[in-house]
Amino acid sequence: MLAAAAFALAACDETTQSGGAGGPFISPLPDNILAMADPKQDLNAVKVDPVDGCLVYRHVGPVETTFLPLRNREGRPICTRPAAETTPAT
């Protein structure tokens, strides 16, 4: 699934909106991302976090607006690349 997400995002065209300091929002979201994302999230304001390559969405709360990890229906984050392998401590 992660490879499909990465491929779909790589194929996005330039139809984006301003996303502020982290880059533009992805608009429209690819169908495979829409299919796997939990619909309880704001899917109208999604962008890629440049730090880890995972998708984040804009959450507008009663006090502040922040970006939260976009999660699939099982609660796992949706990323465009695999998590970096950690080096075991010796």
N, C-alpha and C. Protein backbone atom coordinates (compact mmCIF):
# COMPACT_ATOMS: atom_id res chain seq x y z
N MET A 1 0.81 -1.19 0.00
CA MET A 1 0.00 0.00 0.00
C MET A 1 0.86 1.27 0.00
N LEU A 2 1.96 1.23 0.74
CA LEU A 2 2.81 2.41 0.80
C LEU A 2 3.39 2.74 -0.56
N ALA A 3 3.76 1.72 -1.30
CA ALA A 3 4.30 1.96 -2.64
C ALA A 3 3.24 2.58 -3.53
N ALA A 4 2.01 2.13 -3.40
CA ALA A 4 0.92 2.70 -4.20
C ALA A 4 0.70 4.16 -3.83
N ALA A 5 0.79 4.48 -2.54
CA ALA A 5 0.61 5.86 -2.10
C ALA A 5 1.72 6.74 -2.67
N ALA A 6 2.95 6.25 -2.61
CA ALA A 6 4.07 7.02 -3.13
C ALA A 6 3.91 7.24 -4.62
N PHE A 7 3.51 6.19 -5.34
CA PHE A 7 3.32 6.32 -6.79
C PHE A 7 2.21 7.33 -7.09
N ALA A 8 1.11 7.25 -6.36
CA ALA A 8 -0.01 8.14 -6.62
C ALA A 8 0.36 9.59 -6.34
N LEU A 9 1.11 9.81 -5.27
CA LEU A 9 1.50 11.17 -4.96
C LEU A 9 2.53 11.70 -5.95
N ALA A 10 3.38 10.83 -6.45
CA ALA A 10 4.36 11.26 -7.44
C ALA A 10 3.67 11.68 -8.73
N ALA A 11 2.50 11.12 -8.97
CA ALA A 11 1.77 11.42 -10.20
C ALA A 11 0.88 12.65 -10.07
N CYS A 12 0.85 13.27 -8.90
CA CYS A 12 0.00 14.46 -8.71
C CYS A 12 0.45 15.56 -9.65
N ASP A 13 -0.52 16.27 -10.17
CA ASP A 13 -0.17 17.38 -11.02
C ASP A 13 -0.02 18.64 -10.18
N GLU A 14 0.05 19.77 -10.82
CA GLU A 14 0.29 21.02 -10.12
C GLU A 14 -0.98 21.68 -9.60
N THR A 15 -2.08 20.95 -9.47
CA THR A 15 -3.32 21.53 -8.97
C THR A 15 -3.30 21.47 -7.46
N THR A 16 -2.58 22.41 -6.84
CA THR A 16 -2.49 22.45 -5.39
C THR A 16 -2.92 23.80 -4.88
N GLN A 17 -3.20 23.84 -3.58
CA GLN A 17 -3.57 25.08 -2.92
C GLN A 17 -2.46 25.40 -1.94
N SER A 18 -2.43 26.62 -1.47
CA SER A 18 -1.43 27.01 -0.49
C SER A 18 -1.63 26.23 0.79
N GLY A 19 -0.56 25.67 1.30
CA GLY A 19 -0.63 24.89 2.53
C GLY A 19 0.17 25.50 3.65
N GLY A 20 0.68 26.71 3.46
CA GLY A 20 1.45 27.34 4.52
C GLY A 20 2.87 26.85 4.55
N ALA A 21 3.43 26.81 5.74
CA ALA A 21 4.86 26.58 5.92
C ALA A 21 5.31 25.18 5.53
N GLY A 22 4.52 24.21 5.38
CA GLY A 22 5.00 22.87 5.05
C GLY A 22 4.87 22.52 3.60
N GLY A 23 4.36 23.40 2.80
CA GLY A 23 4.16 23.10 1.39
C GLY A 23 2.69 23.16 1.04
N PRO A 24 2.39 22.98 -0.23
CA PRO A 24 1.00 23.08 -0.69
C PRO A 24 0.18 21.84 -0.35
N PHE A 25 -1.11 22.05 -0.28
CA PHE A 25 -2.03 20.93 -0.08
C PHE A 25 -2.12 20.12 -1.38
N ILE A 26 -2.38 18.84 -1.25
CA ILE A 26 -2.57 17.97 -2.40
C ILE A 26 -4.04 18.04 -2.78
N SER A 27 -4.30 18.51 -3.99
CA SER A 27 -5.68 18.66 -4.41
C SER A 27 -5.78 18.40 -5.91
N PRO A 28 -6.56 17.45 -6.29
CA PRO A 28 -7.35 16.52 -5.49
C PRO A 28 -6.48 15.36 -4.98
N LEU A 29 -6.93 14.75 -3.91
CA LEU A 29 -6.25 13.57 -3.38
C LEU A 29 -6.46 12.40 -4.34
N PRO A 30 -5.43 11.60 -4.56
CA PRO A 30 -5.61 10.41 -5.41
C PRO A 30 -6.65 9.46 -4.83
N ASP A 31 -7.34 8.75 -5.69
CA ASP A 31 -8.42 7.85 -5.27
C ASP A 31 -7.95 6.79 -4.27
N ASN A 32 -6.72 6.27 -4.45
CA ASN A 32 -6.27 5.23 -3.52
C ASN A 32 -6.03 5.79 -2.11
N ILE A 33 -5.64 7.05 -2.00
CA ILE A 33 -5.50 7.67 -0.67
C ILE A 33 -6.88 7.88 -0.06
N LEU A 34 -7.82 8.35 -0.85
CA LEU A 34 -9.19 8.53 -0.36
C LEU A 34 -9.78 7.21 0.12
N ALA A 35 -9.47 6.13 -0.58
CA ALA A 35 -10.02 4.82 -0.22
C ALA A 35 -9.45 4.30 1.08
N MET A 36 -8.18 4.57 1.35
CA MET A 36 -7.57 4.00 2.56
C MET A 36 -7.65 4.93 3.77
N ALA A 37 -7.84 6.23 3.58
CA ALA A 37 -7.85 7.18 4.70
C ALA A 37 -9.13 7.08 5.52
N ASP A 38 -8.98 7.23 6.82
CA ASP A 38 -10.14 7.27 7.71
C ASP A 38 -10.96 8.51 7.38
N PRO A 39 -12.23 8.37 7.06
CA PRO A 39 -13.04 9.52 6.63
C PRO A 39 -13.33 10.53 7.73
N LYS A 40 -12.96 10.25 8.97
CA LYS A 40 -13.21 11.19 10.07
C LYS A 40 -12.21 12.35 10.06
N GLN A 41 -11.28 12.32 9.14
CA GLN A 41 -10.25 13.36 9.05
C GLN A 41 -10.62 14.35 7.95
N ASP A 42 -10.05 15.56 8.01
CA ASP A 42 -10.30 16.57 6.98
C ASP A 42 -9.47 16.24 5.75
N LEU A 43 -10.08 15.62 4.77
CA LEU A 43 -9.36 15.21 3.57
C LEU A 43 -9.27 16.32 2.53
N ASN A 44 -9.72 17.52 2.88
CA ASN A 44 -9.64 18.66 1.98
C ASN A 44 -8.36 19.46 2.16
N ALA A 45 -7.59 19.17 3.22
CA ALA A 45 -6.37 19.92 3.50
C ALA A 45 -5.27 18.94 3.90
N VAL A 46 -4.74 18.22 2.93
CA VAL A 46 -3.72 17.20 3.17
C VAL A 46 -2.45 17.60 2.44
N LYS A 47 -1.30 17.40 3.11
CA LYS A 47 -0.01 17.66 2.48
C LYS A 47 1.00 16.66 2.99
N VAL A 48 2.17 16.63 2.36
CA VAL A 48 3.25 15.73 2.75
C VAL A 48 4.15 16.46 3.74
N ASP A 49 4.42 15.83 4.89
CA ASP A 49 5.36 16.38 5.85
C ASP A 49 6.76 16.14 5.29
N PRO A 50 7.54 17.19 5.03
CA PRO A 50 8.86 16.99 4.42
C PRO A 50 9.85 16.29 5.34
N VAL A 51 9.59 16.26 6.63
CA VAL A 51 10.51 15.63 7.57
C VAL A 51 10.51 14.11 7.42
N ASP A 52 9.32 13.50 7.38
CA ASP A 52 9.25 12.05 7.34
C ASP A 52 8.55 11.48 6.12
N GLY A 53 8.01 12.32 5.26
CA GLY A 53 7.34 11.85 4.05
C GLY A 53 5.94 11.32 4.28
N CYS A 54 5.42 11.47 5.50
CA CYS A 54 4.06 11.01 5.79
C CYS A 54 3.06 12.12 5.50
N LEU A 55 1.84 11.72 5.23
CA LEU A 55 0.79 12.69 4.97
C LEU A 55 0.25 13.24 6.29
N VAL A 56 -0.06 14.52 6.29
CA VAL A 56 -0.68 15.17 7.45
C VAL A 56 -1.91 15.92 6.96
N TYR A 57 -2.88 16.11 7.86
CA TYR A 57 -4.06 16.86 7.50
C TYR A 57 -4.27 17.99 8.50
N ARG A 58 -4.94 19.05 8.04
CA ARG A 58 -5.21 20.20 8.89
C ARG A 58 -6.39 19.91 9.80
N HIS A 59 -6.14 20.00 11.10
CA HIS A 59 -7.20 19.82 12.11
C HIS A 59 -7.50 21.19 12.71
N VAL A 60 -8.74 21.62 12.57
CA VAL A 60 -9.15 22.90 13.13
C VAL A 60 -9.88 22.62 14.43
N GLY A 61 -9.23 22.95 15.54
CA GLY A 61 -9.81 22.73 16.86
C GLY A 61 -10.41 24.01 17.41
N PRO A 62 -10.99 23.95 18.61
CA PRO A 62 -11.63 25.13 19.19
C PRO A 62 -10.62 26.21 19.58
N VAL A 63 -9.36 25.84 19.79
CA VAL A 63 -8.36 26.82 20.23
C VAL A 63 -7.31 27.09 19.16
N GLU A 64 -6.88 26.04 18.47
CA GLU A 64 -5.83 26.22 17.48
C GLU A 64 -6.03 25.30 16.28
N THR A 65 -5.33 25.64 15.22
CA THR A 65 -5.30 24.80 14.03
C THR A 65 -3.91 24.19 13.95
N THR A 66 -3.86 22.89 13.75
CA THR A 66 -2.59 22.17 13.70
C THR A 66 -2.66 21.07 12.67
N PHE A 67 -1.51 20.51 12.33
CA PHE A 67 -1.48 19.39 11.39
C PHE A 67 -1.24 18.10 12.15
N LEU A 68 -2.04 17.10 11.84
CA LEU A 68 -1.97 15.78 12.47
C LEU A 68 -1.69 14.73 11.41
N PRO A 69 -1.08 13.60 11.80
CA PRO A 69 -0.82 12.54 10.82
C PRO A 69 -2.11 12.01 10.21
N LEU A 70 -2.13 11.88 8.90
CA LEU A 70 -3.26 11.26 8.21
C LEU A 70 -3.15 9.75 8.44
N ARG A 71 -4.22 9.14 8.91
CA ARG A 71 -4.19 7.73 9.26
C ARG A 71 -5.18 6.95 8.41
N ASN A 72 -4.86 5.66 8.22
CA ASN A 72 -5.77 4.80 7.48
C ASN A 72 -6.86 4.31 8.44
N ARG A 73 -7.73 3.48 7.94
CA ARG A 73 -8.87 3.02 8.74
C ARG A 73 -8.45 2.15 9.92
N GLU A 74 -7.23 1.60 9.90
CA GLU A 74 -6.71 0.80 11.01
C GLU A 74 -5.92 1.65 12.00
N GLY A 75 -5.78 2.94 11.73
CA GLY A 75 -5.07 3.84 12.63
C GLY A 75 -3.59 4.03 12.34
N ARG A 76 -3.08 3.43 11.27
CA ARG A 76 -1.68 3.58 10.93
C ARG A 76 -1.48 4.81 10.04
N PRO A 77 -0.34 5.50 10.20
CA PRO A 77 -0.09 6.67 9.35
C PRO A 77 0.10 6.27 7.89
N ILE A 78 -0.27 7.15 7.00
CA ILE A 78 -0.10 6.95 5.56
C ILE A 78 1.12 7.75 5.14
N CYS A 79 2.13 7.04 4.63
CA CYS A 79 3.41 7.68 4.27
C CYS A 79 3.73 7.44 2.80
N THR A 80 4.58 8.32 2.28
CA THR A 80 4.98 8.20 0.88
C THR A 80 6.25 7.41 0.72
N ARG A 81 6.92 7.13 1.82
CA ARG A 81 8.14 6.31 1.78
C ARG A 81 8.21 5.49 3.05
N PRO A 82 8.91 4.37 3.03
CA PRO A 82 9.00 3.52 4.23
C PRO A 82 9.71 4.24 5.36
N ALA A 83 9.37 3.89 6.60
CA ALA A 83 10.02 4.47 7.77
C ALA A 83 11.51 4.14 7.73
N ALA A 84 12.33 5.08 8.14
CA ALA A 84 13.78 4.85 8.17
C ALA A 84 14.11 3.76 9.16
N GLU A 85 15.02 2.92 8.75
CA GLU A 85 15.43 1.84 9.64
C GLU A 85 16.31 2.43 10.74
N THR A 86 16.05 2.01 11.96
CA THR A 86 16.84 2.50 13.08
C THR A 86 18.02 1.58 13.30
N THR A 87 19.11 2.15 13.71
CA THR A 87 20.30 1.36 14.00
C THR A 87 20.24 0.91 15.44
N PRO A 88 20.36 -0.39 15.70
CA PRO A 88 20.29 -0.84 17.08
C PRO A 88 21.47 -0.32 17.90
N ALA A 89 21.18 0.03 19.15
CA ALA A 89 22.22 0.53 20.05
C ALA A 89 23.14 -0.61 20.45
N THR A 90 24.44 -0.33 20.48
CA THR A 90 25.39 -1.37 20.87
C THR A 90 26.02 -1.06 22.19
